[in-house]
Amino acid sequence: MKLSFESTRTLGSWLDNIKQRLEQLNSWKEDPTKEPYITFINRLYNPQSFLTAVKQVTARRDTIELNKLTIMTEVQKRMYWETNELPKK
């Protein structure tokens, strides 16, 4: 207990969350070159490193200075499997 993370989740809730994390990772594993359009940040163990990696890949691809990039988040009520395309604006 003293070495684990403190949590107020029930065991069932924790198991559901870990299952959802695994599903997200497996969907990325199936096609690692495909960029995910929807990502559940709360299901990542270290979301800051993921966001930094996204900025680094974009900076290299588009030859932009890393410190000039920002992350924009759009909260949506849909799941990652519901779309394979960016939303129309």
PDB file of N, CA and C in Angstrom:
ATOM      1  N   MET A   1       0.819  -1.204   0.000  1.00  0.00           N
ATOM      2  CA  MET A   1       0.000   0.000   0.000  1.00  0.00           C
ATOM      3  C   MET A   1       0.857   1.260   0.000  1.00  0.00           C
ATOM      4  N   LYS A   2       1.928   1.304   0.805  1.00  0.00           N
ATOM      5  CA  LYS A   2       2.694   2.542   0.899  1.00  0.00           C
ATOM      6  C   LYS A   2       3.514   2.822  -0.361  1.00  0.00           C
ATOM      7  N   LEU A   3       3.701   1.834  -1.243  1.00  0.00           N
ATOM      8  CA  LEU A   3       4.453   2.045  -2.475  1.00  0.00           C
ATOM      9  C   LEU A   3       3.554   2.287  -3.689  1.00  0.00           C
ATOM     10  N   SER A   4       2.248   2.151  -3.518  1.00  0.00           N
ATOM     11  CA  SER A   4       1.335   2.307  -4.652  1.00  0.00           C
ATOM     12  C   SER A   4       0.771   3.727  -4.707  1.00  0.00           C
ATOM     13  N   PHE A   5       0.146   4.041  -5.860  1.00  0.00           N
ATOM     14  CA  PHE A   5      -0.515   5.330  -6.017  1.00  0.00           C
ATOM     15  C   PHE A   5      -1.811   5.323  -5.229  1.00  0.00           C
ATOM     16  N   GLU A   6      -2.119   6.431  -4.595  1.00  0.00           N
ATOM     17  CA  GLU A   6      -3.369   6.551  -3.854  1.00  0.00           C
ATOM     18  C   GLU A   6      -4.515   6.694  -4.852  1.00  0.00           C
ATOM     19  N   SER A   7      -5.599   5.985  -4.603  1.00  0.00           N
ATOM     20  CA  SER A   7      -6.740   6.030  -5.503  1.00  0.00           C
ATOM     21  C   SER A   7      -8.038   5.881  -4.716  1.00  0.00           C
ATOM     22  N   THR A   8      -9.078   6.557  -5.201  1.00  0.00           N
ATOM     23  CA  THR A   8     -10.393   6.412  -4.586  1.00  0.00           C
ATOM     24  C   THR A   8     -11.303   5.560  -5.473  1.00  0.00           C
ATOM     25  N   ARG A   9     -10.761   5.023  -6.556  1.00  0.00           N
ATOM     26  CA  ARG A   9     -11.537   4.187  -7.469  1.00  0.00           C
ATOM     27  C   ARG A   9     -11.861   2.836  -6.836  1.00  0.00           C
ATOM     28  N   THR A  10     -12.996   2.305  -7.253  1.00  0.00           N
ATOM     29  CA  THR A  10     -13.307   0.941  -6.868  1.00  0.00           C
ATOM     30  C   THR A  10     -12.526   0.001  -7.781  1.00  0.00           C
ATOM     31  N   LEU A  11     -12.418  -1.250  -7.402  1.00  0.00           N
ATOM     32  CA  LEU A  11     -11.683  -2.206  -8.225  1.00  0.00           C
ATOM     33  C   LEU A  11     -12.327  -2.350  -9.599  1.00  0.00           C
ATOM     34  N   GLY A  12     -13.657  -2.392  -9.653  1.00  0.00           N
ATOM     35  CA  GLY A  12     -14.350  -2.504 -10.936  1.00  0.00           C
ATOM     36  C   GLY A  12     -14.068  -1.319 -11.845  1.00  0.00           C
ATOM     37  N   SER A  13     -14.091  -0.120 -11.296  1.00  0.00           N
ATOM     38  CA  SER A  13     -13.800   1.088 -12.061  1.00  0.00           C
ATOM     39  C   SER A  13     -12.356   1.077 -12.557  1.00  0.00           C
ATOM     40  N   TRP A  14     -11.453   0.647 -11.696  1.00  0.00           N
ATOM     41  CA  TRP A  14     -10.041   0.590 -12.071  1.00  0.00           C
ATOM     42  C   TRP A  14      -9.831  -0.413 -13.200  1.00  0.00           C
ATOM     43  N   LEU A  15     -10.497  -1.578 -13.120  1.00  0.00           N
ATOM     44  CA  LEU A  15     -10.362  -2.596 -14.169  1.00  0.00           C
ATOM     45  C   LEU A  15     -10.939  -2.102 -15.494  1.00  0.00           C
ATOM     46  N   ASP A  16     -12.081  -1.399 -15.450  1.00  0.00           N
ATOM     47  CA  ASP A  16     -12.660  -0.829 -16.672  1.00  0.00           C
ATOM     48  C   ASP A  16     -11.688   0.165 -17.312  1.00  0.00           C
ATOM     49  N   ASN A  17     -11.082   1.017 -16.490  1.00  0.00           N
ATOM     50  CA  ASN A  17     -10.150   2.013 -16.991  1.00  0.00           C
ATOM     51  C   ASN A  17      -8.920   1.358 -17.621  1.00  0.00           C
ATOM     52  N   ILE A  18      -8.371   0.342 -16.978  1.00  0.00           N
ATOM     53  CA  ILE A  18      -7.176  -0.318 -17.519  1.00  0.00           C
ATOM     54  C   ILE A  18      -7.513  -1.042 -18.823  1.00  0.00           C
ATOM     55  N   LYS A  19      -8.740  -1.581 -18.922  1.00  0.00           N
ATOM     56  CA  LYS A  19      -9.178  -2.223 -20.166  1.00  0.00           C
ATOM     57  C   LYS A  19      -9.265  -1.190 -21.293  1.00  0.00           C
ATOM     58  N   GLN A  20      -9.826  -0.017 -20.993  1.00  0.00           N
ATOM     59  CA  GLN A  20      -9.932   1.039 -21.998  1.00  0.00           C
ATOM     60  C   GLN A  20      -8.553   1.539 -22.428  1.00  0.00           C
ATOM     61  N   ARG A  21      -7.617   1.640 -21.487  1.00  0.00           N
ATOM     62  CA  ARG A  21      -6.247   2.038 -21.837  1.00  0.00           C
ATOM     63  C   ARG A  21      -5.630   1.025 -22.786  1.00  0.00           C
ATOM     64  N   LEU A  22      -5.818  -0.243 -22.479  1.00  0.00           N
ATOM     65  CA  LEU A  22      -5.265  -1.313 -23.316  1.00  0.00           C
ATOM     66  C   LEU A  22      -5.876  -1.284 -24.712  1.00  0.00           C
ATOM     67  N   GLU A  23      -7.190  -1.058 -24.809  1.00  0.00           N
ATOM     68  CA  GLU A  23      -7.852  -0.972 -26.115  1.00  0.00           C
ATOM     69  C   GLU A  23      -7.265   0.165 -26.951  1.00  0.00           C
ATOM     70  N   GLN A  24      -7.025   1.324 -26.324  1.00  0.00           N
ATOM     71  CA  GLN A  24      -6.453   2.462 -27.049  1.00  0.00           C
ATOM     72  C   GLN A  24      -5.049   2.131 -27.538  1.00  0.00           C
ATOM     73  N   LEU A  25      -4.236   1.547 -26.690  1.00  0.00           N
ATOM     74  CA  LEU A  25      -2.871   1.188 -27.088  1.00  0.00           C
ATOM     75  C   LEU A  25      -2.871   0.133 -28.194  1.00  0.00           C
ATOM     76  N   ASN A  26      -3.761  -0.838 -28.100  1.00  0.00           N
ATOM     77  CA  ASN A  26      -3.843  -1.866 -29.141  1.00  0.00           C
ATOM     78  C   ASN A  26      -4.285  -1.288 -30.476  1.00  0.00           C
ATOM     79  N   SER A  27      -5.172  -0.304 -30.453  1.00  0.00           N
ATOM     80  CA  SER A  27      -5.593   0.313 -31.720  1.00  0.00           C
ATOM     81  C   SER A  27      -4.414   1.044 -32.369  1.00  0.00           C
ATOM     82  N   TRP A  28      -3.542   1.648 -31.572  1.00  0.00           N
ATOM     83  CA  TRP A  28      -2.349   2.306 -32.120  1.00  0.00           C
ATOM     84  C   TRP A  28      -1.351   1.273 -32.611  1.00  0.00           C
ATOM     85  N   LYS A  29      -1.247   0.163 -31.912  1.00  0.00           N
ATOM     86  CA  LYS A  29      -0.284  -0.878 -32.264  1.00  0.00           C
ATOM     87  C   LYS A  29      -0.621  -1.506 -33.614  1.00  0.00           C
ATOM     88  N   GLU A  30      -1.904  -1.640 -33.918  1.00  0.00           N
ATOM     89  CA  GLU A  30      -2.332  -2.269 -35.160  1.00  0.00           C
ATOM     90  C   GLU A  30      -1.822  -1.515 -36.379  1.00  0.00           C
ATOM     91  N   ASP A  31      -1.764  -0.198 -36.304  1.00  0.00           N
ATOM     92  CA  ASP A  31      -1.244   0.605 -37.417  1.00  0.00           C
ATOM     93  C   ASP A  31      -0.523   1.820 -36.839  1.00  0.00           C
ATOM     94  N   PRO A  32       0.756   1.649 -36.442  1.00  0.00           N
ATOM     95  CA  PRO A  32       1.473   2.742 -35.767  1.00  0.00           C
ATOM     96  C   PRO A  32       1.746   3.955 -36.645  1.00  0.00           C
ATOM     97  N   THR A  33       1.628   3.829 -37.961  1.00  0.00           N
ATOM     98  CA  THR A  33       1.876   4.974 -38.832  1.00  0.00           C
ATOM     99  C   THR A  33       0.639   5.861 -38.969  1.00  0.00           C
ATOM    100  N   LYS A  34      -0.510   5.347 -38.585  1.00  0.00           N
ATOM    101  CA  LYS A  34      -1.757   6.105 -38.681  1.00  0.00           C
ATOM    102  C   LYS A  34      -1.889   7.002 -37.458  1.00  0.00           C
ATOM    103  N   GLU A  35      -2.033   8.293 -37.699  1.00  0.00           N
ATOM    104  CA  GLU A  35      -2.172   9.245 -36.602  1.00  0.00           C
ATOM    105  C   GLU A  35      -3.582   9.156 -36.011  1.00  0.00           C
ATOM    106  N   PRO A  36      -3.694   9.026 -34.699  1.00  0.00           N
ATOM    107  CA  PRO A  36      -5.026   8.995 -34.099  1.00  0.00           C
ATOM    108  C   PRO A  36      -5.644  10.390 -34.101  1.00  0.00           C
ATOM    109  N   TYR A  37      -6.902  10.488 -34.513  1.00  0.00           N
ATOM    110  CA  TYR A  37      -7.590  11.771 -34.521  1.00  0.00           C
ATOM    111  C   TYR A  37      -8.213  12.067 -33.167  1.00  0.00           C
ATOM    112  N   ILE A  38      -8.516  11.006 -32.433  1.00  0.00           N
ATOM    113  CA  ILE A  38      -9.089  11.159 -31.100  1.00  0.00           C
ATOM    114  C   ILE A  38      -8.212  10.387 -30.132  1.00  0.00           C
ATOM    115  N   THR A  39      -7.799  11.051 -29.068  1.00  0.00           N
ATOM    116  CA  THR A  39      -6.959  10.422 -28.055  1.00  0.00           C
ATOM    117  C   THR A  39      -7.533  10.735 -26.688  1.00  0.00           C
ATOM    118  N   PHE A  40      -7.665   9.710 -25.879  1.00  0.00           N
ATOM    119  CA  PHE A  40      -8.107   9.902 -24.506  1.00  0.00           C
ATOM    120  C   PHE A  40      -6.874  10.194 -23.660  1.00  0.00           C
ATOM    121  N   ILE A  41      -6.617  11.462 -23.414  1.00  0.00           N
ATOM    122  CA  ILE A  41      -5.441  11.881 -22.652  1.00  0.00           C
ATOM    123  C   ILE A  41      -5.476  11.280 -21.249  1.00  0.00           C
ATOM    124  N   ASN A  42      -6.657  11.171 -20.673  1.00  0.00           N
ATOM    125  CA  ASN A  42      -6.757  10.640 -19.311  1.00  0.00           C
ATOM    126  C   ASN A  42      -6.437   9.151 -19.227  1.00  0.00           C
ATOM    127  N   ARG A  43      -6.302   8.492 -20.360  1.00  0.00           N
ATOM    128  CA  ARG A  43      -5.953   7.070 -20.351  1.00  0.00           C
ATOM    129  C   ARG A  43      -4.460   6.837 -20.558  1.00  0.00           C
ATOM    130  N   LEU A  44      -3.705   7.903 -20.689  1.00  0.00           N
ATOM    131  CA  LEU A  44      -2.262   7.769 -20.855  1.00  0.00           C
ATOM    132  C   LEU A  44      -1.579   7.837 -19.494  1.00  0.00           C
ATOM    133  N   TYR A  45      -0.545   7.034 -19.331  1.00  0.00           N
ATOM    134  CA  TYR A  45       0.185   7.037 -18.060  1.00  0.00           C
ATOM    135  C   TYR A  45       0.936   8.344 -17.865  1.00  0.00           C
ATOM    136  N   ASN A  46       1.531   8.851 -18.950  1.00  0.00           N
ATOM    137  CA  ASN A  46       2.276  10.107 -18.885  1.00  0.00           C
ATOM    138  C   ASN A  46       1.834  10.982 -20.064  1.00  0.00           C
ATOM    139  N   PRO A  47       0.706  11.679 -19.933  1.00  0.00           N
ATOM    140  CA  PRO A  47       0.170  12.447 -21.060  1.00  0.00           C
ATOM    141  C   PRO A  47       1.093  13.565 -21.545  1.00  0.00           C
ATOM    142  N   GLN A  48       1.876  14.151 -20.646  1.00  0.00           N
ATOM    143  CA  GLN A  48       2.762  15.239 -21.060  1.00  0.00           C
ATOM    144  C   GLN A  48       3.808  14.754 -22.061  1.00  0.00           C
ATOM    145  N   SER A  49       4.331  13.550 -21.866  1.00  0.00           N
ATOM    146  CA  SER A  49       5.326  13.030 -22.811  1.00  0.00           C
ATOM    147  C   SER A  49       4.687  12.745 -24.164  1.00  0.00           C
ATOM    148  N   PHE A  50       3.434  12.300 -24.177  1.00  0.00           N
ATOM    149  CA  PHE A  50       2.725  12.087 -25.434  1.00  0.00           C
ATOM    150  C   PHE A  50       2.557  13.402 -26.189  1.00  0.00           C
ATOM    151  N   LEU A  51       2.123  14.448 -25.481  1.00  0.00           N
ATOM    152  CA  LEU A  51       1.918  15.746 -26.121  1.00  0.00           C
ATOM    153  C   LEU A  51       3.233  16.340 -26.622  1.00  0.00           C
ATOM    154  N   THR A  52       4.308  16.147 -25.879  1.00  0.00           N
ATOM    155  CA  THR A  52       5.624  16.613 -26.313  1.00  0.00           C
ATOM    156  C   THR A  52       6.060  15.872 -27.576  1.00  0.00           C
ATOM    157  N   ALA A  53       5.823  14.571 -27.616  1.00  0.00           N
ATOM    158  CA  ALA A  53       6.176  13.780 -28.799  1.00  0.00           C
ATOM    159  C   ALA A  53       5.398  14.239 -30.022  1.00  0.00           C
ATOM    160  N   VAL A  54       4.123  14.560 -29.845  1.00  0.00           N
ATOM    161  CA  VAL A  54       3.303  15.061 -30.962  1.00  0.00           C
ATOM    162  C   VAL A  54       3.907  16.352 -31.502  1.00  0.00           C
ATOM    163  N   LYS A  55       4.298  17.248 -30.605  1.00  0.00           N
ATOM    164  CA  LYS A  55       4.914  18.507 -31.034  1.00  0.00           C
ATOM    165  C   LYS A  55       6.242  18.252 -31.750  1.00  0.00           C
ATOM    166  N   GLN A  56       7.054  17.335 -31.249  1.00  0.00           N
ATOM    167  CA  GLN A  56       8.348  17.047 -31.867  1.00  0.00           C
ATOM    168  C   GLN A  56       8.180  16.468 -33.263  1.00  0.00           C
ATOM    169  N   VAL A  57       7.266  15.539 -33.434  1.00  0.00           N
ATOM    170  CA  VAL A  57       7.026  14.939 -34.751  1.00  0.00           C
ATOM    171  C   VAL A  57       6.540  15.998 -35.733  1.00  0.00           C
ATOM    172  N   THR A  58       5.635  16.849 -35.293  1.00  0.00           N
ATOM    173  CA  THR A  58       5.114  17.916 -36.150  1.00  0.00           C
ATOM    174  C   THR A  58       6.213  18.907 -36.519  1.00  0.00           C
ATOM    175  N   ALA A  59       7.041  19.279 -35.557  1.00  0.00           N
ATOM    176  CA  ALA A  59       8.126  20.228 -35.817  1.00  0.00           C
ATOM    177  C   ALA A  59       9.103  19.674 -36.849  1.00  0.00           C
ATOM    178  N   ARG A  60       9.445  18.412 -36.715  1.00  0.00           N
ATOM    179  CA  ARG A  60      10.361  17.796 -37.691  1.00  0.00           C
ATOM    180  C   ARG A  60       9.723  17.697 -39.076  1.00  0.00           C
ATOM    181  N   ARG A  61       8.462  17.247 -39.097  1.00  0.00           N
ATOM    182  CA  ARG A  61       7.778  17.056 -40.375  1.00  0.00           C
ATOM    183  C   ARG A  61       7.601  18.369 -41.133  1.00  0.00           C
ATOM    184  N   ASP A  62       7.232  19.431 -40.412  1.00  0.00           N
ATOM    185  CA  ASP A  62       6.915  20.703 -41.056  1.00  0.00           C
ATOM    186  C   ASP A  62       8.037  21.731 -40.962  1.00  0.00           C
ATOM    187  N   THR A  63       9.184  21.344 -40.425  1.00  0.00           N
ATOM    188  CA  THR A  63      10.342  22.215 -40.243  1.00  0.00           C
ATOM    189  C   THR A  63       9.940  23.525 -39.543  1.00  0.00           C
ATOM    190  N   ILE A  64       9.391  23.371 -38.360  1.00  0.00           N
ATOM    191  CA  ILE A  64       8.963  24.499 -37.533  1.00  0.00           C
ATOM    192  C   ILE A  64       9.734  24.423 -36.218  1.00  0.00           C
ATOM    193  N   GLU A  65      10.056  25.579 -35.653  1.00  0.00           N
ATOM    194  CA  GLU A  65      10.709  25.580 -34.348  1.00  0.00           C
ATOM    195  C   GLU A  65       9.764  25.003 -33.301  1.00  0.00           C
ATOM    196  N   LEU A  66      10.291  24.119 -32.479  1.00  0.00           N
ATOM    197  CA  LEU A  66       9.476  23.440 -31.468  1.00  0.00           C
ATOM    198  C   LEU A  66       8.807  24.418 -30.508  1.00  0.00           C
ATOM    199  N   ASN A  67       9.529  25.469 -30.118  1.00  0.00           N
ATOM    200  CA  ASN A  67       8.961  26.412 -29.142  1.00  0.00           C
ATOM    201  C   ASN A  67       7.874  27.307 -29.744  1.00  0.00           C
ATOM    202  N   LYS A  68       7.642  27.225 -31.044  1.00  0.00           N
ATOM    203  CA  LYS A  68       6.568  27.997 -31.673  1.00  0.00           C
ATOM    204  C   LYS A  68       5.284  27.193 -31.812  1.00  0.00           C
ATOM    205  N   LEU A  69       5.314  25.936 -31.411  1.00  0.00           N
ATOM    206  CA  LEU A  69       4.131  25.080 -31.509  1.00  0.00           C
ATOM    207  C   LEU A  69       3.365  25.074 -30.196  1.00  0.00           C
ATOM    208  N   THR A  70       2.054  24.969 -30.312  1.00  0.00           N
ATOM    209  CA  THR A  70       1.196  24.833 -29.133  1.00  0.00           C
ATOM    210  C   THR A  70       0.248  23.665 -29.362  1.00  0.00           C
ATOM    211  N   ILE A  71      -0.257  23.141 -28.281  1.00  0.00           N
ATOM    212  CA  ILE A  71      -1.236  22.058 -28.354  1.00  0.00           C
ATOM    213  C   ILE A  71      -2.621  22.661 -28.137  1.00  0.00           C
ATOM    214  N   MET A  72      -3.541  22.334 -29.039  1.00  0.00           N
ATOM    215  CA  MET A  72      -4.918  22.774 -28.898  1.00  0.00           C
ATOM    216  C   MET A  72      -5.773  21.539 -28.637  1.00  0.00           C
ATOM    217  N   THR A  73      -6.563  21.589 -27.609  1.00  0.00           N
ATOM    218  CA  THR A  73      -7.396  20.441 -27.244  1.00  0.00           C
ATOM    219  C   THR A  73      -8.846  20.763 -27.510  1.00  0.00           C
ATOM    220  N   GLU A  74      -9.539  19.821 -28.079  1.00  0.00           N
ATOM    221  CA  GLU A  74     -10.959  19.988 -28.354  1.00  0.00           C
ATOM    222  C   GLU A  74     -11.703  18.848 -27.664  1.00  0.00           C
ATOM    223  N   VAL A  75     -12.470  19.173 -26.655  1.00  0.00           N
ATOM    224  CA  VAL A  75     -13.223  18.164 -25.915  1.00  0.00           C
ATOM    225  C   VAL A  75     -14.447  17.773 -26.729  1.00  0.00           C
ATOM    226  N   GLN A  76     -14.581  16.474 -26.971  1.00  0.00           N
ATOM    227  CA  GLN A  76     -15.695  15.983 -27.774  1.00  0.00           C
ATOM    228  C   GLN A  76     -16.355  14.815 -27.060  1.00  0.00           C
ATOM    229  N   LYS A  77     -17.605  14.617 -27.366  1.00  0.00           N
ATOM    230  CA  LYS A  77     -18.331  13.498 -26.781  1.00  0.00           C
ATOM    231  C   LYS A  77     -18.437  12.376 -27.792  1.00  0.00           C
ATOM    232  N   ARG A  78     -17.296  11.791 -28.123  1.00  0.00           N
ATOM    233  CA  ARG A  78     -17.306  10.615 -28.988  1.00  0.00           C
ATOM    234  C   ARG A  78     -16.090   9.761 -28.673  1.00  0.00           C
ATOM    235  N   MET A  79     -16.132   8.557 -29.140  1.00  0.00           N
ATOM    236  CA  MET A  79     -15.080   7.608 -28.840  1.00  0.00           C
ATOM    237  C   MET A  79     -14.130   7.515 -30.027  1.00  0.00           C
ATOM    238  N   TYR A  80     -12.923   7.037 -29.762  1.00  0.00           N
ATOM    239  CA  TYR A  80     -11.898   6.998 -30.811  1.00  0.00           C
ATOM    240  C   TYR A  80     -12.280   6.074 -31.959  1.00  0.00           C
ATOM    241  N   TRP A  81     -13.130   5.094 -31.748  1.00  0.00           N
ATOM    242  CA  TRP A  81     -13.505   4.183 -32.812  1.00  0.00           C
ATOM    243  C   TRP A  81     -14.668   4.726 -33.659  1.00  0.00           C
ATOM    244  N   GLU A  82     -15.247   5.857 -33.285  1.00  0.00           N
ATOM    245  CA  GLU A  82     -16.398   6.395 -33.998  1.00  0.00           C
ATOM    246  C   GLU A  82     -16.028   7.174 -35.251  1.00  0.00           C
ATOM    247  N   THR A  83     -14.768   7.473 -35.440  1.00  0.00           N
ATOM    248  CA  THR A  83     -14.381   8.253 -36.611  1.00  0.00           C
ATOM    249  C   THR A  83     -12.972   7.894 -37.062  1.00  0.00           C
ATOM    250  N   ASN A  84     -12.753   7.989 -38.350  1.00  0.00           N
ATOM    251  CA  ASN A  84     -11.415   7.831 -38.905  1.00  0.00           C
ATOM    252  C   ASN A  84     -10.988   9.109 -39.627  1.00  0.00           C
ATOM    253  N   GLU A  85     -11.817  10.128 -39.525  1.00  0.00           N
ATOM    254  CA  GLU A  85     -11.534  11.374 -40.209  1.00  0.00           C
ATOM    255  C   GLU A  85     -11.599  12.542 -39.227  1.00  0.00           C
ATOM    256  N   LEU A  86     -10.923  13.617 -39.600  1.00  0.00           N
ATOM    257  CA  LEU A  86     -11.025  14.841 -38.811  1.00  0.00           C
ATOM    258  C   LEU A  86     -12.428  15.404 -38.977  1.00  0.00           C
ATOM    259  N   PRO A  87     -12.942  16.028 -37.929  1.00  0.00           N
ATOM    260  CA  PRO A  87     -14.277  16.627 -38.040  1.00  0.00           C
ATOM    261  C   PRO A  87     -14.303  17.767 -39.051  1.00  0.00           C
ATOM    262  N   LYS A  88     -15.404  17.908 -39.747  1.00  0.00           N
ATOM    263  CA  LYS A  88     -15.587  19.005 -40.705  1.00  0.00           C
ATOM    264  C   LYS A  88     -15.880  20.287 -39.941  1.00  0.00           C
ATOM    265  N   LYS A  89     -15.275  21.387 -40.373  1.00  0.00           N
ATOM    266  CA  LYS A  89     -15.502  22.670 -39.688  1.00  0.00           C
ATOM    267  C   LYS A  89     -16.212  23.629 -40.588  1.00  0.00           C
TER     268      LYS A  89
END
